[in-house]
Amino acid sequence: MSEALPGERVEDKSVGELVAAASGSISDLIRAEMALAKMELKSDARKAAAGSVMITIATVMVSLIVIMLAFALAEWFIALGVPRALAFAAVAGVCLVLAIAMVVVALLVLKRIEGGKRTRKTLKDDFAALRRRGDSGELKSGKDGSGKPELKV
């Protein structure tokens, strides 16, 4: 790379050398940004994995607690004089109704997922703005009707 050394003037550099230096600097900047993003994503992935493991363990524990509470509820029904089979069937019915309610709520939540609709719209707007950037020295549609861009100077 031909960067200006101490005692050397930038004005003495050719346009090609300056473009090469700017291009190299941009490449270095992009590489550094990519490395930073990679480090941040690795760190976030580790945190997400640890959180996921803890949530999984808690879910298993809550599942066991729900099973014990279901047995307790069935035994309570039995203590109230309800026949054993009917008590367990009633508890199973309550669990089924709760499960169906959770599925319905989950489906309603999933239907609200937009799939990056705003991001797609802003990207389309950005590309459209780049295609029709203004007057002098900017990208315009071709005069021949081909739709190919031409650089207007």
C-alpha atoms as a PDB file:
ATOM      1  CA  MET A   1       0.000   0.000   0.000  1.00  0.00           C
ATOM      2  CA  SER A   2       1.327   3.426  -0.809  1.00  0.00           C
ATOM      3  CA  GLU A   3       0.429   5.520   2.174  1.00  0.00           C
ATOM      4  CA  ALA A   4       1.990   8.892   2.799  1.00  0.00           C
ATOM      5  CA  LEU A   5       5.049   8.470   4.958  1.00  0.00           C
ATOM      6  CA  PRO A   6       6.288  11.113   7.421  1.00  0.00           C
ATOM      7  CA  GLY A   7       7.778  13.948   5.408  1.00  0.00           C
ATOM      8  CA  GLU A   8       5.907  12.857   2.261  1.00  0.00           C
ATOM      9  CA  ARG A   9       3.029  14.947   0.998  1.00  0.00           C
ATOM     10  CA  VAL A  10      -0.306  13.470  -0.016  1.00  0.00           C
ATOM     11  CA  GLU A  11      -0.444  16.020  -2.846  1.00  0.00           C
ATOM     12  CA  ASP A  12       2.567  14.283  -4.432  1.00  0.00           C
ATOM     13  CA  LYS A  13       0.644  11.013  -4.801  1.00  0.00           C
ATOM     14  CA  SER A  14      -1.053  10.083  -8.059  1.00  0.00           C
ATOM     15  CA  VAL A  15      -4.810   9.601  -8.214  1.00  0.00           C
ATOM     16  CA  GLY A  16      -4.285   5.866  -8.711  1.00  0.00           C
ATOM     17  CA  GLU A  17      -2.171   5.622  -5.569  1.00  0.00           C
ATOM     18  CA  LEU A  18      -4.750   7.582  -3.579  1.00  0.00           C
ATOM     19  CA  VAL A  19      -7.595   5.384  -4.865  1.00  0.00           C
ATOM     20  CA  ALA A  20      -5.568   2.266  -4.035  1.00  0.00           C
ATOM     21  CA  ALA A  21      -4.886   3.588  -0.536  1.00  0.00           C
ATOM     22  CA  ALA A  22      -8.564   4.451   0.006  1.00  0.00           C
ATOM     23  CA  SER A  23      -9.627   1.070  -1.354  1.00  0.00           C
ATOM     24  CA  GLY A  24      -7.199  -0.717   0.975  1.00  0.00           C
ATOM     25  CA  SER A  25      -8.428   1.299   3.944  1.00  0.00           C
ATOM     26  CA  ILE A  26     -12.035   0.456   3.151  1.00  0.00           C
ATOM     27  CA  SER A  27     -11.136  -3.234   2.851  1.00  0.00           C
ATOM     28  CA  ASP A  28      -9.368  -3.120   6.215  1.00  0.00           C
ATOM     29  CA  LEU A  29     -12.357  -1.375   7.770  1.00  0.00           C
ATOM     30  CA  ILE A  30     -14.779  -3.967   6.398  1.00  0.00           C
ATOM     31  CA  ARG A  31     -12.582  -6.829   7.644  1.00  0.00           C
ATOM     32  CA  ALA A  32     -12.408  -5.239  11.098  1.00  0.00           C
ATOM     33  CA  GLU A  33     -16.189  -4.755  11.178  1.00  0.00           C
ATOM     34  CA  MET A  34     -16.740  -8.379  10.143  1.00  0.00           C
ATOM     35  CA  ALA A  35     -14.353  -9.594  12.861  1.00  0.00           C
ATOM     36  CA  LEU A  36     -16.168  -7.482  15.459  1.00  0.00           C
ATOM     37  CA  ALA A  37     -19.567  -8.785  14.343  1.00  0.00           C
ATOM     38  CA  LYS A  38     -18.247 -12.363  14.472  1.00  0.00           C
ATOM     39  CA  MET A  39     -16.949 -11.902  18.045  1.00  0.00           C
ATOM     40  CA  GLU A  40     -20.214 -10.318  19.173  1.00  0.00           C
ATOM     41  CA  LEU A  41     -22.280 -13.091  17.587  1.00  0.00           C
ATOM     42  CA  LYS A  42     -20.143 -15.787  19.247  1.00  0.00           C
ATOM     43  CA  SER A  43     -20.565 -14.101  22.616  1.00  0.00           C
ATOM     44  CA  ASP A  44     -24.315 -13.745  22.117  1.00  0.00           C
ATOM     45  CA  ALA A  45     -24.574 -17.379  20.982  1.00  0.00           C
ATOM     46  CA  ARG A  46     -22.860 -18.571  24.168  1.00  0.00           C
ATOM     47  CA  LYS A  47     -25.217 -16.510  26.315  1.00  0.00           C
ATOM     48  CA  ALA A  48     -28.244 -17.762  24.368  1.00  0.00           C
ATOM     49  CA  ALA A  49     -27.090 -21.374  24.758  1.00  0.00           C
ATOM     50  CA  ALA A  50     -26.653 -20.989  28.516  1.00  0.00           C
ATOM     51  CA  GLY A  51     -30.077 -19.356  28.805  1.00  0.00           C
ATOM     52  CA  SER A  52     -31.674 -22.081  26.696  1.00  0.00           C
ATOM     53  CA  VAL A  53     -30.214 -24.824  28.903  1.00  0.00           C
ATOM     54  CA  MET A  54     -31.550 -23.125  32.028  1.00  0.00           C
ATOM     55  CA  ILE A  55     -35.006 -22.667  30.474  1.00  0.00           C
ATOM     56  CA  THR A  56     -35.040 -26.335  29.427  1.00  0.00           C
ATOM     57  CA  ILE A  57     -34.174 -27.474  32.949  1.00  0.00           C
ATOM     58  CA  ALA A  58     -36.856 -25.205  34.420  1.00  0.00           C
ATOM     59  CA  THR A  59     -39.409 -26.535  31.914  1.00  0.00           C
ATOM     60  CA  VAL A  60     -38.675 -30.135  32.904  1.00  0.00           C
ATOM     61  CA  MET A  61     -39.007 -29.219  36.588  1.00  0.00           C
ATOM     62  CA  VAL A  62     -42.329 -27.424  35.994  1.00  0.00           C
ATOM     63  CA  SER A  63     -43.589 -30.439  34.031  1.00  0.00           C
ATOM     64  CA  LEU A  64     -42.862 -32.702  36.995  1.00  0.00           C
ATOM     65  CA  ILE A  65     -44.593 -30.257  39.323  1.00  0.00           C
ATOM     66  CA  VAL A  66     -47.684 -30.196  37.074  1.00  0.00           C
ATOM     67  CA  ILE A  67     -47.817 -34.001  37.158  1.00  0.00           C
ATOM     68  CA  MET A  68     -47.611 -33.989  40.974  1.00  0.00           C
ATOM     69  CA  LEU A  69     -50.308 -31.297  41.194  1.00  0.00           C
ATOM     70  CA  ALA A  70     -52.544 -33.324  38.876  1.00  0.00           C
ATOM     71  CA  PHE A  71     -52.189 -36.348  41.153  1.00  0.00           C
ATOM     72  CA  ALA A  72     -52.875 -34.151  44.197  1.00  0.00           C
ATOM     73  CA  LEU A  73     -56.015 -32.750  42.551  1.00  0.00           C
ATOM     74  CA  ALA A  74     -57.228 -36.248  41.676  1.00  0.00           C
ATOM     75  CA  GLU A  75     -56.610 -37.437  45.254  1.00  0.00           C
ATOM     76  CA  TRP A  76     -58.481 -34.390  46.550  1.00  0.00           C
ATOM     77  CA  PHE A  77     -61.449 -35.295  44.345  1.00  0.00           C
ATOM     78  CA  ILE A  78     -61.271 -38.857  45.736  1.00  0.00           C
ATOM     79  CA  ALA A  79     -61.245 -37.478  49.277  1.00  0.00           C
ATOM     80  CA  LEU A  80     -64.405 -35.521  48.417  1.00  0.00           C
ATOM     81  CA  GLY A  81     -66.104 -38.815  47.529  1.00  0.00           C
ATOM     82  CA  VAL A  82     -65.671 -38.855  43.741  1.00  0.00           C
ATOM     83  CA  PRO A  83     -64.886 -42.342  42.404  1.00  0.00           C
ATOM     84  CA  ARG A  84     -61.177 -42.850  41.638  1.00  0.00           C
ATOM     85  CA  ALA A  85     -61.578 -43.348  37.855  1.00  0.00           C
ATOM     86  CA  LEU A  86     -63.861 -40.323  37.531  1.00  0.00           C
ATOM     87  CA  ALA A  87     -61.465 -38.149  39.569  1.00  0.00           C
ATOM     88  CA  PHE A  88     -58.488 -39.006  37.344  1.00  0.00           C
ATOM     89  CA  ALA A  89     -60.614 -38.558  34.200  1.00  0.00           C
ATOM     90  CA  ALA A  90     -61.715 -35.110  35.407  1.00  0.00           C
ATOM     91  CA  VAL A  91     -58.094 -34.085  36.027  1.00  0.00           C
ATOM     92  CA  ALA A  92     -57.098 -35.395  32.586  1.00  0.00           C
ATOM     93  CA  GLY A  93     -59.950 -33.365  31.062  1.00  0.00           C
ATOM     94  CA  VAL A  94     -58.771 -30.207  32.814  1.00  0.00           C
ATOM     95  CA  CYS A  95     -55.231 -30.808  31.530  1.00  0.00           C
ATOM     96  CA  LEU A  96     -56.577 -31.361  27.999  1.00  0.00           C
ATOM     97  CA  VAL A  97     -58.593 -28.116  28.082  1.00  0.00           C
ATOM     98  CA  LEU A  98     -55.520 -26.191  29.310  1.00  0.00           C
ATOM     99  CA  ALA A  99     -53.360 -27.734  26.561  1.00  0.00           C
ATOM    100  CA  ILE A 100     -55.889 -26.819  23.858  1.00  0.00           C
ATOM    101  CA  ALA A 101     -56.088 -23.252  25.196  1.00  0.00           C
ATOM    102  CA  MET A 102     -52.281 -22.960  25.074  1.00  0.00           C
ATOM    103  CA  VAL A 103     -52.200 -24.224  21.465  1.00  0.00           C
ATOM    104  CA  VAL A 104     -54.859 -21.682  20.427  1.00  0.00           C
ATOM    105  CA  VAL A 105     -52.943 -18.837  22.079  1.00  0.00           C
ATOM    106  CA  ALA A 106     -49.688 -20.013  20.481  1.00  0.00           C
ATOM    107  CA  LEU A 107     -51.299 -20.101  17.018  1.00  0.00           C
ATOM    108  CA  LEU A 108     -52.654 -16.573  17.489  1.00  0.00           C
ATOM    109  CA  VAL A 109     -49.189 -15.355  18.463  1.00  0.00           C
ATOM    110  CA  LEU A 110     -47.587 -17.137  15.498  1.00  0.00           C
ATOM    111  CA  LYS A 111     -50.077 -15.567  13.081  1.00  0.00           C
ATOM    112  CA  ARG A 112     -48.836 -12.123  14.121  1.00  0.00           C
ATOM    113  CA  ILE A 113     -45.302 -12.833  12.878  1.00  0.00           C
ATOM    114  CA  GLU A 114     -44.677 -10.467   9.982  1.00  0.00           C
ATOM    115  CA  GLY A 115     -41.447 -11.985   8.662  1.00  0.00           C
ATOM    116  CA  GLY A 116     -39.417  -8.785   8.433  1.00  0.00           C
ATOM    117  CA  LYS A 117     -42.062  -6.859   6.500  1.00  0.00           C
ATOM    118  CA  ARG A 118     -40.669  -3.465   7.514  1.00  0.00           C
ATOM    119  CA  THR A 119     -37.106  -4.518   6.693  1.00  0.00           C
ATOM    120  CA  ARG A 120     -38.152  -5.680   3.218  1.00  0.00           C
ATOM    121  CA  LYS A 121     -39.988  -2.394   2.653  1.00  0.00           C
ATOM    122  CA  THR A 122     -37.058  -0.229   3.729  1.00  0.00           C
ATOM    123  CA  LEU A 123     -34.648  -2.268   1.599  1.00  0.00           C
ATOM    124  CA  LYS A 124     -36.920  -1.850  -1.428  1.00  0.00           C
ATOM    125  CA  ASP A 125     -37.128   1.880  -0.721  1.00  0.00           C
ATOM    126  CA  ASP A 126     -33.332   2.109  -0.421  1.00  0.00           C
ATOM    127  CA  PHE A 127     -32.777   0.306  -3.727  1.00  0.00           C
ATOM    128  CA  ALA A 128     -35.407   2.465  -5.405  1.00  0.00           C
ATOM    129  CA  ALA A 129     -33.715   5.599  -4.078  1.00  0.00           C
ATOM    130  CA  LEU A 130     -30.370   4.387  -5.404  1.00  0.00           C
ATOM    131  CA  ARG A 131     -31.910   3.837  -8.834  1.00  0.00           C
ATOM    132  CA  ARG A 132     -33.348   7.359  -9.055  1.00  0.00           C
ATOM    133  CA  ARG A 133     -30.775   9.383  -7.179  1.00  0.00           C
ATOM    134  CA  GLY A 134     -31.270  12.876  -8.519  1.00  0.00           C
ATOM    135  CA  ASP A 135     -29.765  15.084 -11.184  1.00  0.00           C
ATOM    136  CA  SER A 136     -26.053  15.574 -11.862  1.00  0.00           C
ATOM    137  CA  GLY A 137     -23.461  12.813 -11.654  1.00  0.00           C
ATOM    138  CA  GLU A 138     -25.947  10.319 -10.403  1.00  0.00           C
ATOM    139  CA  LEU A 139     -27.464   7.083 -11.540  1.00  0.00           C
ATOM    140  CA  LYS A 140     -30.381   7.392 -13.983  1.00  0.00           C
ATOM    141  CA  SER A 141     -32.386   5.016 -16.117  1.00  0.00           C
ATOM    142  CA  GLY A 142     -31.060   4.531 -19.688  1.00  0.00           C
ATOM    143  CA  LYS A 143     -32.329   6.811 -22.486  1.00  0.00           C
ATOM    144  CA  ASP A 144     -32.719   3.884 -24.872  1.00  0.00           C
ATOM    145  CA  GLY A 145     -35.576   2.483 -22.792  1.00  0.00           C
ATOM    146  CA  SER A 146     -33.633  -0.641 -21.859  1.00  0.00           C
ATOM    147  CA  GLY A 147     -33.821   0.137 -18.171  1.00  0.00           C
ATOM    148  CA  LYS A 148     -30.057  -0.209 -17.912  1.00  0.00           C
ATOM    149  CA  PRO A 149     -28.550   2.486 -15.720  1.00  0.00           C
ATOM    150  CA  GLU A 150     -26.382   5.130 -17.268  1.00  0.00           C
ATOM    151  CA  LEU A 151     -24.061   7.447 -15.401  1.00  0.00           C
ATOM    152  CA  LYS A 152     -25.047  11.034 -16.063  1.00  0.00           C
ATOM    153  CA  VAL A 153     -22.171  13.498 -15.728  1.00  0.00           C
END
